[in-house]
Every structure is written in C-alpha cells, then in structure tokens.
N, C-alpha and C. Protein backbone atom coordinates (compact mmCIF):
# COMPACT_ATOMS: atom_id res chain seq x y z
N UNK A 1 0.82 -1.19 0.00
CA UNK A 1 0.00 0.00 0.00
C UNK A 1 0.86 1.26 0.00
N UNK A 2 1.85 1.32 0.88
CA UNK A 2 2.72 2.49 0.97
C UNK A 2 3.59 2.59 -0.28
N UNK A 3 4.09 1.46 -0.75
CA UNK A 3 4.95 1.46 -1.95
C UNK A 3 4.16 1.96 -3.15
N UNK A 4 2.91 1.55 -3.26
CA UNK A 4 2.08 1.99 -4.38
C UNK A 4 1.86 3.50 -4.33
N UNK A 5 1.62 4.02 -3.14
CA UNK A 5 1.42 5.48 -3.00
C UNK A 5 2.71 6.25 -3.28
N UNK A 6 3.83 5.73 -2.81
CA UNK A 6 5.11 6.38 -3.10
C UNK A 6 5.41 6.37 -4.60
N UNK A 7 5.12 5.25 -5.25
CA UNK A 7 5.32 5.16 -6.69
C UNK A 7 4.43 6.15 -7.43
N UNK A 8 3.17 6.27 -7.02
CA UNK A 8 2.24 7.22 -7.64
C UNK A 8 2.71 8.65 -7.40
N UNK A 9 3.20 8.93 -6.20
CA UNK A 9 3.71 10.26 -5.88
C UNK A 9 4.91 10.60 -6.76
N UNK A 10 5.84 9.65 -6.89
CA UNK A 10 7.01 9.85 -7.75
C UNK A 10 6.62 10.01 -9.21
N UNK A 11 5.66 9.23 -9.67
CA UNK A 11 5.20 9.33 -11.06
C UNK A 11 4.56 10.69 -11.34
N UNK A 12 3.79 11.18 -10.36
CA UNK A 12 3.19 12.51 -10.52
C UNK A 12 4.27 13.57 -10.68
N UNK A 13 5.27 13.58 -9.79
CA UNK A 13 6.30 14.61 -9.86
C UNK A 13 7.17 14.47 -11.10
N UNK A 14 7.43 13.24 -11.52
CA UNK A 14 8.18 13.05 -12.77
C UNK A 14 7.41 13.63 -13.94
N UNK A 15 6.11 13.33 -14.02
CA UNK A 15 5.29 13.84 -15.12
C UNK A 15 5.15 15.35 -15.03
N UNK A 16 5.06 15.89 -13.82
CA UNK A 16 4.91 17.34 -13.64
C UNK A 16 6.18 18.08 -14.03
N UNK A 17 7.33 17.58 -13.62
CA UNK A 17 8.60 18.27 -13.88
C UNK A 17 9.10 18.00 -15.29
N UNK A 18 9.15 16.75 -15.69
CA UNK A 18 9.71 16.39 -16.99
C UNK A 18 8.66 16.59 -18.07
N UNK A 19 7.45 16.14 -17.84
CA UNK A 19 6.38 16.32 -18.81
C UNK A 19 6.67 15.62 -20.11
N UNK A 20 6.44 16.32 -21.21
CA UNK A 20 6.61 15.74 -22.53
C UNK A 20 8.02 15.90 -23.07
N UNK A 21 8.79 16.80 -22.52
CA UNK A 21 10.10 17.10 -23.10
C UNK A 21 11.19 17.04 -22.03
N UNK A 22 11.89 15.95 -21.96
CA UNK A 22 12.94 15.78 -20.96
C UNK A 22 14.11 16.70 -21.24
N UNK A 23 14.29 17.10 -22.50
CA UNK A 23 15.40 17.97 -22.85
C UNK A 23 15.24 19.35 -22.21
N UNK A 24 14.04 19.86 -22.18
CA UNK A 24 13.79 21.16 -21.54
C UNK A 24 14.01 21.05 -20.03
N UNK A 25 13.54 19.97 -19.43
CA UNK A 25 13.74 19.78 -17.99
C UNK A 25 15.22 19.72 -17.67
N UNK A 26 15.98 19.02 -18.47
CA UNK A 26 17.43 18.94 -18.26
C UNK A 26 18.08 20.30 -18.46
N UNK A 27 17.66 21.05 -19.47
CA UNK A 27 18.20 22.38 -19.71
C UNK A 27 17.92 23.33 -18.56
N UNK A 28 16.73 23.27 -18.01
CA UNK A 28 16.39 24.12 -16.86
C UNK A 28 17.22 23.72 -15.65
N UNK A 29 17.38 22.43 -15.44
CA UNK A 29 18.21 21.97 -14.31
C UNK A 29 19.65 22.44 -14.46
N UNK A 30 20.19 22.37 -15.65
CA UNK A 30 21.57 22.83 -15.89
C UNK A 30 21.66 24.35 -15.70
N UNK A 31 20.67 25.08 -16.21
CA UNK A 31 20.67 26.54 -16.05
C UNK A 31 20.57 26.93 -14.58
N UNK A 32 19.76 26.22 -13.81
CA UNK A 32 19.66 26.51 -12.37
C UNK A 32 20.99 26.23 -11.67
N UNK A 33 21.64 25.14 -12.03
CA UNK A 33 22.92 24.80 -11.41
C UNK A 33 23.99 25.83 -11.75
N UNK A 34 24.04 26.26 -13.00
CA UNK A 34 25.04 27.26 -13.39
C UNK A 34 24.74 28.60 -12.72
N UNK A 35 23.46 28.95 -12.62
CA UNK A 35 23.08 30.18 -11.93
C UNK A 35 23.52 30.14 -10.48
N UNK A 36 23.30 29.00 -9.83
CA UNK A 36 23.74 28.86 -8.44
C UNK A 36 25.25 29.02 -8.33
N UNK A 37 25.98 28.35 -9.20
CA UNK A 37 27.44 28.43 -9.15
C UNK A 37 27.94 29.85 -9.41
N UNK A 38 27.33 30.55 -10.36
CA UNK A 38 27.73 31.93 -10.62
C UNK A 38 27.39 32.85 -9.46
N UNK A 39 26.22 32.65 -8.87
CA UNK A 39 25.78 33.52 -7.78
C UNK A 39 26.61 33.33 -6.52
N UNK A 40 27.06 32.11 -6.27
CA UNK A 40 27.78 31.85 -5.03
C UNK A 40 29.29 31.72 -5.20
N UNK A 41 29.74 31.60 -6.44
CA UNK A 41 31.17 31.42 -6.65
C UNK A 41 31.88 32.63 -7.19
N UNK A 42 31.12 33.59 -7.68
CA UNK A 42 31.73 34.79 -8.25
C UNK A 42 30.99 36.02 -7.75
N UNK A 43 31.49 37.17 -8.12
CA UNK A 43 30.79 38.41 -7.77
C UNK A 43 29.92 38.88 -8.94
N UNK A 44 29.90 38.11 -10.01
CA UNK A 44 29.11 38.47 -11.19
C UNK A 44 27.62 38.26 -10.91
N UNK A 45 26.79 39.15 -11.44
CA UNK A 45 25.35 38.99 -11.33
C UNK A 45 24.91 37.80 -12.18
N UNK A 46 24.07 36.95 -11.62
CA UNK A 46 23.68 35.73 -12.31
C UNK A 46 22.21 35.71 -12.71
N UNK A 47 21.49 36.80 -12.51
CA UNK A 47 20.06 36.84 -12.78
C UNK A 47 19.74 36.64 -14.25
N UNK A 48 20.64 36.99 -15.13
CA UNK A 48 20.38 36.99 -16.57
C UNK A 48 20.41 35.58 -17.17
N UNK A 49 20.96 34.61 -16.47
CA UNK A 49 21.13 33.29 -17.07
C UNK A 49 19.81 32.55 -17.28
N UNK A 50 18.89 32.61 -16.33
CA UNK A 50 17.63 31.90 -16.50
C UNK A 50 16.77 32.47 -17.63
N UNK A 51 16.62 33.80 -17.78
CA UNK A 51 15.89 34.29 -18.95
C UNK A 51 16.59 33.92 -20.27
N UNK A 52 17.93 33.91 -20.28
CA UNK A 52 18.65 33.51 -21.48
C UNK A 52 18.40 32.04 -21.80
N UNK A 53 18.35 31.21 -20.78
CA UNK A 53 18.05 29.79 -21.00
C UNK A 53 16.64 29.62 -21.55
N UNK A 54 15.71 30.42 -21.07
CA UNK A 54 14.34 30.37 -21.59
C UNK A 54 14.31 30.74 -23.07
N UNK A 55 15.05 31.77 -23.44
CA UNK A 55 15.08 32.21 -24.83
C UNK A 55 15.64 31.11 -25.74
N UNK A 56 16.53 30.29 -25.22
CA UNK A 56 17.11 29.20 -26.01
C UNK A 56 16.22 27.96 -25.97
N UNK A 57 15.74 27.59 -24.79
CA UNK A 57 15.02 26.32 -24.63
C UNK A 57 13.61 26.34 -25.22
N UNK A 58 12.92 27.44 -25.15
CA UNK A 58 11.55 27.48 -25.66
C UNK A 58 11.49 27.22 -27.17
N UNK A 59 12.28 27.90 -28.00
CA UNK A 59 12.23 27.58 -29.43
C UNK A 59 12.69 26.15 -29.75
N UNK A 60 13.65 25.64 -28.99
CA UNK A 60 14.09 24.26 -29.19
C UNK A 60 12.93 23.31 -28.93
N UNK A 61 12.20 23.53 -27.86
CA UNK A 61 11.07 22.68 -27.52
C UNK A 61 9.97 22.77 -28.57
N UNK A 62 9.64 23.97 -28.99
CA UNK A 62 8.58 24.15 -29.99
C UNK A 62 9.00 23.51 -31.31
N UNK A 63 10.24 23.68 -31.70
CA UNK A 63 10.71 23.09 -32.96
C UNK A 63 10.64 21.57 -32.92
N UNK A 64 10.95 20.99 -31.78
CA UNK A 64 10.88 19.52 -31.67
C UNK A 64 9.46 19.03 -31.81
N UNK A 65 8.49 19.82 -31.38
CA UNK A 65 7.09 19.41 -31.45
C UNK A 65 6.53 19.56 -32.86
N UNK A 66 6.84 20.68 -33.53
CA UNK A 66 6.23 20.94 -34.83
C UNK A 66 7.01 20.33 -35.99
N UNK A 67 8.23 19.90 -35.75
CA UNK A 67 9.04 19.30 -36.81
C UNK A 67 8.41 17.97 -37.21
N UNK A 68 8.23 17.75 -38.51
CA UNK A 68 7.68 16.47 -38.94
C UNK A 68 8.60 15.31 -38.63
N UNK A 69 8.04 14.23 -38.18
CA UNK A 69 8.83 13.02 -37.86
C UNK A 69 9.11 12.26 -39.13
N UNK A 70 10.28 11.71 -39.23
CA UNK A 70 10.64 10.94 -40.43
C UNK A 70 10.67 9.48 -40.13
C-alpha cells in the first residue's frame, strides 16, 4: 500500500517536472545549477542566465514538437 502510493507520488512529480520534453527539464536543471554556481562562486550577477536559458530552450522545444517526424 505504501509502496504503491510512493510510486504514484514519484510518477506525478516526474510527469509534472519532466512532462513531454525531458530535454527542456534537463536544460532548466543545468541553467539553475550554473546560476547557483555563478551567484555563489563569483561576484558576477547571475540573474540573466535563466531568462537567457528560456530564450534558447523554448524555441528548441517548440521546434521539436512541430518538426515532422521521419
């Protein structure tokens, strides 16, 4: 009973975070990690990295969806 609920909980969060495009989820995770490293390892402002990642990842995701499959 508990294992089934834990599995359902994990499946929900996997579907919520990863969704249909694992590449975007991985890109966001990498962007968050680099932002953290820049914010805590240097004196450089790191706020710009996440919007820049969005500008790159969103068109990549849309192109993967609308591109015809061969």
